[in-house]
PDB file of N, CA and C in Angstrom:
ATOM      1  N   MET A   1      18.160 -54.377   6.286  1.00  0.00           N
ATOM      2  CA  MET A   1      17.036 -54.826   7.095  1.00  0.00           C
ATOM      3  C   MET A   1      15.886 -53.843   6.912  1.00  0.00           C
ATOM      4  N   ALA A   2      14.802 -54.297   6.371  1.00  0.00           N
ATOM      5  CA  ALA A   2      13.644 -53.435   6.117  1.00  0.00           C
ATOM      6  C   ALA A   2      12.836 -53.218   7.393  1.00  0.00           C
ATOM      7  N   LEU A   3      12.127 -52.116   7.411  1.00  0.00           N
ATOM      8  CA  LEU A   3      11.256 -51.831   8.547  1.00  0.00           C
ATOM      9  C   LEU A   3      10.066 -52.773   8.535  1.00  0.00           C
ATOM     10  N   ASN A   4       9.618 -53.162   9.704  1.00  0.00           N
ATOM     11  CA  ASN A   4       8.503 -54.092   9.863  1.00  0.00           C
ATOM     12  C   ASN A   4       7.190 -53.424   9.432  1.00  0.00           C
ATOM     13  N   PRO A   5       6.509 -53.966   8.406  1.00  0.00           N
ATOM     14  CA  PRO A   5       5.251 -53.359   7.923  1.00  0.00           C
ATOM     15  C   PRO A   5       4.171 -53.256   8.995  1.00  0.00           C
ATOM     16  N   GLU A   6       4.103 -54.215   9.906  1.00  0.00           N
ATOM     17  CA  GLU A   6       3.102 -54.159  10.980  1.00  0.00           C
ATOM     18  C   GLU A   6       3.388 -53.000  11.921  1.00  0.00           C
ATOM     19  N   LEU A   7       4.659 -52.720  12.159  1.00  0.00           N
ATOM     20  CA  LEU A   7       5.034 -51.601  13.021  1.00  0.00           C
ATOM     21  C   LEU A   7       4.713 -50.277  12.333  1.00  0.00           C
ATOM     22  N   ILE A   8       4.999 -50.191  11.045  1.00  0.00           N
ATOM     23  CA  ILE A   8       4.748 -48.964  10.291  1.00  0.00           C
ATOM     24  C   ILE A   8       3.285 -48.558  10.379  1.00  0.00           C
ATOM     25  N   GLU A   9       2.376 -49.521  10.337  1.00  0.00           N
ATOM     26  CA  GLU A   9       0.941 -49.243  10.361  1.00  0.00           C
ATOM     27  C   GLU A   9       0.473 -48.585  11.655  1.00  0.00           C
ATOM     28  N   ILE A  10       1.143 -48.845  12.779  1.00  0.00           N
ATOM     29  CA  ILE A  10       0.667 -48.318  14.058  1.00  0.00           C
ATOM     30  C   ILE A  10       1.412 -47.080  14.533  1.00  0.00           C
ATOM     31  N   LEU A  11       2.437 -46.660  13.802  1.00  0.00           N
ATOM     32  CA  LEU A  11       3.197 -45.476  14.208  1.00  0.00           C
ATOM     33  C   LEU A  11       2.372 -44.214  13.993  1.00  0.00           C
ATOM     34  N   ALA A  12       2.578 -43.235  14.862  1.00  0.00           N
ATOM     35  CA  ALA A  12       1.880 -41.956  14.769  1.00  0.00           C
ATOM     36  C   ALA A  12       2.866 -40.821  15.010  1.00  0.00           C
ATOM     37  N   CYS A  13       2.525 -39.667  14.494  1.00  0.00           N
ATOM     38  CA  CYS A  13       3.354 -38.482  14.678  1.00  0.00           C
ATOM     39  C   CYS A  13       3.431 -38.138  16.166  1.00  0.00           C
ATOM     40  N   PRO A  14       4.633 -37.927  16.692  1.00  0.00           N
ATOM     41  CA  PRO A  14       4.753 -37.585  18.113  1.00  0.00           C
ATOM     42  C   PRO A  14       4.166 -36.220  18.464  1.00  0.00           C
ATOM     43  N   LYS A  15       4.025 -35.338  17.483  1.00  0.00           N
ATOM     44  CA  LYS A  15       3.507 -33.994  17.757  1.00  0.00           C
ATOM     45  C   LYS A  15       1.982 -33.963  17.741  1.00  0.00           C
ATOM     46  N   CYS A  16       1.366 -34.451  16.638  1.00  0.00           N
ATOM     47  CA  CYS A  16      -0.085 -34.329  16.497  1.00  0.00           C
ATOM     48  C   CYS A  16      -0.825 -35.663  16.642  1.00  0.00           C
ATOM     49  N   LYS A  17      -0.085 -36.749  16.749  1.00  0.00           N
ATOM     50  CA  LYS A  17      -0.641 -38.107  16.866  1.00  0.00           C
ATOM     51  C   LYS A  17      -1.352 -38.555  15.588  1.00  0.00           C
ATOM     52  N   GLY A  18      -1.097 -37.843  14.481  1.00  0.00           N
ATOM     53  CA  GLY A  18      -1.695 -38.185  13.197  1.00  0.00           C
ATOM     54  C   GLY A  18      -0.926 -39.279  12.475  1.00  0.00           C
ATOM     55  N   ALA A  19      -1.447 -39.662  11.330  1.00  0.00           N
ATOM     56  CA  ALA A  19      -0.845 -40.720  10.521  1.00  0.00           C
ATOM     57  C   ALA A  19       0.465 -40.254   9.896  1.00  0.00           C
ATOM     58  N   LEU A  20       1.371 -41.199   9.744  1.00  0.00           N
ATOM     59  CA  LEU A  20       2.652 -40.943   9.099  1.00  0.00           C
ATOM     60  C   LEU A  20       2.737 -41.712   7.797  1.00  0.00           C
ATOM     61  N   LYS A  21       3.484 -41.170   6.868  1.00  0.00           N
ATOM     62  CA  LYS A  21       3.713 -41.839   5.590  1.00  0.00           C
ATOM     63  C   LYS A  21       5.206 -42.108   5.461  1.00  0.00           C
ATOM     64  N   LEU A  22       5.559 -43.338   5.150  1.00  0.00           N
ATOM     65  CA  LEU A  22       6.961 -43.702   4.963  1.00  0.00           C
ATOM     66  C   LEU A  22       7.368 -43.350   3.542  1.00  0.00           C
ATOM     67  N   ARG A  23       8.481 -42.656   3.395  1.00  0.00           N
ATOM     68  CA  ARG A  23       8.993 -42.339   2.065  1.00  0.00           C
ATOM     69  C   ARG A  23       9.302 -43.628   1.320  1.00  0.00           C
ATOM     70  N   GLY A  24       9.229 -43.578   0.008  1.00  0.00           N
ATOM     71  CA  GLY A  24       9.483 -44.747  -0.827  1.00  0.00           C
ATOM     72  C   GLY A  24      10.854 -45.358  -0.626  1.00  0.00           C
ATOM     73  N   ASP A  25      11.844 -44.521  -0.322  1.00  0.00           N
ATOM     74  CA  ASP A  25      13.197 -45.032  -0.091  1.00  0.00           C
ATOM     75  C   ASP A  25      13.449 -45.391   1.376  1.00  0.00           C
ATOM     76  N   GLU A  26      12.397 -45.310   2.198  1.00  0.00           N
ATOM     77  CA  GLU A  26      12.438 -45.631   3.630  1.00  0.00           C
ATOM     78  C   GLU A  26      13.460 -44.798   4.404  1.00  0.00           C
ATOM     79  N   SER A  27      13.698 -43.564   3.938  1.00  0.00           N
ATOM     80  CA  SER A  27      14.669 -42.707   4.615  1.00  0.00           C
ATOM     81  C   SER A  27      14.049 -41.843   5.704  1.00  0.00           C
ATOM     82  N   ALA A  28      12.701 -41.739   5.708  1.00  0.00           N
ATOM     83  CA  ALA A  28      12.038 -40.891   6.698  1.00  0.00           C
ATOM     84  C   ALA A  28      10.542 -41.165   6.716  1.00  0.00           C
ATOM     85  N   PHE A  29       9.942 -40.831   7.854  1.00  0.00           N
ATOM     86  CA  PHE A  29       8.487 -40.808   7.982  1.00  0.00           C
ATOM     87  C   PHE A  29       8.070 -39.355   7.876  1.00  0.00           C
ATOM     88  N   GLU A  30       6.981 -39.097   7.154  1.00  0.00           N
ATOM     89  CA  GLU A  30       6.509 -37.736   6.967  1.00  0.00           C
ATOM     90  C   GLU A  30       5.116 -37.559   7.551  1.00  0.00           C
ATOM     91  N   CYS A  31       4.924 -36.422   8.207  1.00  0.00           N
ATOM     92  CA  CYS A  31       3.610 -36.050   8.721  1.00  0.00           C
ATOM     93  C   CYS A  31       3.099 -34.898   7.871  1.00  0.00           C
ATOM     94  N   GLY A  32       2.008 -35.140   7.134  1.00  0.00           N
ATOM     95  CA  GLY A  32       1.430 -34.109   6.287  1.00  0.00           C
ATOM     96  C   GLY A  32       0.803 -32.975   7.075  1.00  0.00           C
ATOM     97  N   SER A  33       0.278 -33.266   8.247  1.00  0.00           N
ATOM     98  CA  SER A  33      -0.366 -32.236   9.068  1.00  0.00           C
ATOM     99  C   SER A  33       0.646 -31.265   9.664  1.00  0.00           C
ATOM    100  N   CYS A  34       1.707 -31.813  10.228  1.00  0.00           N
ATOM    101  CA  CYS A  34       2.719 -30.988  10.890  1.00  0.00           C
ATOM    102  C   CYS A  34       3.798 -30.503   9.924  1.00  0.00           C
ATOM    103  N   LYS A  35       3.831 -31.107   8.722  1.00  0.00           N
ATOM    104  CA  LYS A  35       4.862 -30.782   7.729  1.00  0.00           C
ATOM    105  C   LYS A  35       6.262 -31.041   8.282  1.00  0.00           C
ATOM    106  N   LEU A  36       6.410 -32.214   8.946  1.00  0.00           N
ATOM    107  CA  LEU A  36       7.697 -32.613   9.511  1.00  0.00           C
ATOM    108  C   LEU A  36       8.103 -33.977   8.976  1.00  0.00           C
ATOM    109  N   ALA A  37       9.414 -34.185   8.901  1.00  0.00           N
ATOM    110  CA  ALA A  37       9.970 -35.477   8.507  1.00  0.00           C
ATOM    111  C   ALA A  37      10.811 -36.003   9.659  1.00  0.00           C
ATOM    112  N   TYR A  38      10.589 -37.273   9.985  1.00  0.00           N
ATOM    113  CA  TYR A  38      11.342 -37.963  11.036  1.00  0.00           C
ATOM    114  C   TYR A  38      12.255 -38.956  10.334  1.00  0.00           C
ATOM    115  N   LEU A  39      13.559 -38.724  10.418  1.00  0.00           N
ATOM    116  CA  LEU A  39      14.522 -39.523   9.677  1.00  0.00           C
ATOM    117  C   LEU A  39      14.643 -40.939  10.220  1.00  0.00           C
ATOM    118  N   VAL A  40      14.991 -41.853   9.323  1.00  0.00           N
ATOM    119  CA  VAL A  40      15.290 -43.238   9.672  1.00  0.00           C
ATOM    120  C   VAL A  40      16.785 -43.418   9.453  1.00  0.00           C
ATOM    121  N   VAL A  41      17.518 -43.735  10.525  1.00  0.00           N
ATOM    122  CA  VAL A  41      18.967 -43.896  10.446  1.00  0.00           C
ATOM    123  C   VAL A  41      19.327 -45.316  10.879  1.00  0.00           C
ATOM    124  N   ASP A  42      20.022 -46.028  10.024  1.00  0.00           N
ATOM    125  CA  ASP A  42      20.395 -47.421  10.298  1.00  0.00           C
ATOM    126  C   ASP A  42      19.169 -48.263  10.649  1.00  0.00           C
ATOM    127  N   ASP A  43      18.074 -48.052   9.887  1.00  0.00           N
ATOM    128  CA  ASP A  43      16.814 -48.774  10.063  1.00  0.00           C
ATOM    129  C   ASP A  43      16.125 -48.485  11.397  1.00  0.00           C
ATOM    130  N   ILE A  44      16.492 -47.388  12.043  1.00  0.00           N
ATOM    131  CA  ILE A  44      15.869 -47.003  13.319  1.00  0.00           C
ATOM    132  C   ILE A  44      15.203 -45.643  13.139  1.00  0.00           C
ATOM    133  N   PRO A  45      13.866 -45.576  13.252  1.00  0.00           N
ATOM    134  CA  PRO A  45      13.188 -44.282  13.137  1.00  0.00           C
ATOM    135  C   PRO A  45      13.513 -43.388  14.339  1.00  0.00           C
ATOM    136  N   ASN A  46      13.780 -42.115  14.056  1.00  0.00           N
ATOM    137  CA  ASN A  46      14.073 -41.140  15.105  1.00  0.00           C
ATOM    138  C   ASN A  46      12.849 -40.237  15.250  1.00  0.00           C
ATOM    139  N   PHE A  47      12.086 -40.443  16.313  1.00  0.00           N
ATOM    140  CA  PHE A  47      10.879 -39.673  16.535  1.00  0.00           C
ATOM    141  C   PHE A  47      11.065 -38.605  17.615  1.00  0.00           C
ATOM    142  N   ILE A  48      12.286 -38.123  17.797  1.00  0.00           N
ATOM    143  CA  ILE A  48      12.532 -37.026  18.723  1.00  0.00           C
ATOM    144  C   ILE A  48      12.074 -35.736  18.030  1.00  0.00           C
ATOM    145  N   LEU A  49      11.072 -35.103  18.577  1.00  0.00           N
ATOM    146  CA  LEU A  49      10.442 -33.948  17.954  1.00  0.00           C
ATOM    147  C   LEU A  49      11.444 -32.840  17.626  1.00  0.00           C
ATOM    148  N   GLU A  50      12.367 -32.589  18.512  1.00  0.00           N
ATOM    149  CA  GLU A  50      13.348 -31.521  18.304  1.00  0.00           C
ATOM    150  C   GLU A  50      14.312 -31.821  17.155  1.00  0.00           C
ATOM    151  N   GLU A  51      14.406 -33.075  16.735  1.00  0.00           N
ATOM    152  CA  GLU A  51      15.314 -33.456  15.651  1.00  0.00           C
ATOM    153  C   GLU A  51      14.585 -33.667  14.324  1.00  0.00           C
ATOM    154  N   ALA A  52      13.270 -33.443  14.309  1.00  0.00           N
ATOM    155  CA  ALA A  52      12.495 -33.567  13.072  1.00  0.00           C
ATOM    156  C   ALA A  52      12.887 -32.442  12.119  1.00  0.00           C
ATOM    157  N   GLN A  53      12.755 -32.715  10.817  1.00  0.00           N
ATOM    158  CA  GLN A  53      13.103 -31.734   9.804  1.00  0.00           C
ATOM    159  C   GLN A  53      11.840 -31.231   9.100  1.00  0.00           C
ATOM    160  N   PRO A  54      11.777 -29.948   8.804  1.00  0.00           N
ATOM    161  CA  PRO A  54      10.605 -29.428   8.100  1.00  0.00           C
ATOM    162  C   PRO A  54      10.534 -29.967   6.671  1.00  0.00           C
ATOM    163  N   LEU A  55       9.328 -30.252   6.197  1.00  0.00           N
ATOM    164  CA  LEU A  55       9.132 -30.679   4.820  1.00  0.00           C
ATOM    165  C   LEU A  55       9.157 -29.456   3.904  1.00  0.00           C
ATOM    166  N   GLY A  56       9.590 -29.693   2.689  1.00  0.00           N
ATOM    167  CA  GLY A  56       9.508 -28.642   1.684  1.00  0.00           C
ATOM    168  C   GLY A  56      10.721 -27.886   1.582  1.00  0.00           C
TER     169      GLY A  56
END
């Protein structure tokens, strides 16, 4: 089940409220400003700030 494109367009980073980019494999949303990745597990994005992973 793919993520809804309309939903993806309105999502924002929970930390800085900036734009998010979905990885090509749809495994995570990335925030370039905060350098954090929010994982997608079983087609459900996890936007809990404490569970975000650092990029790089």
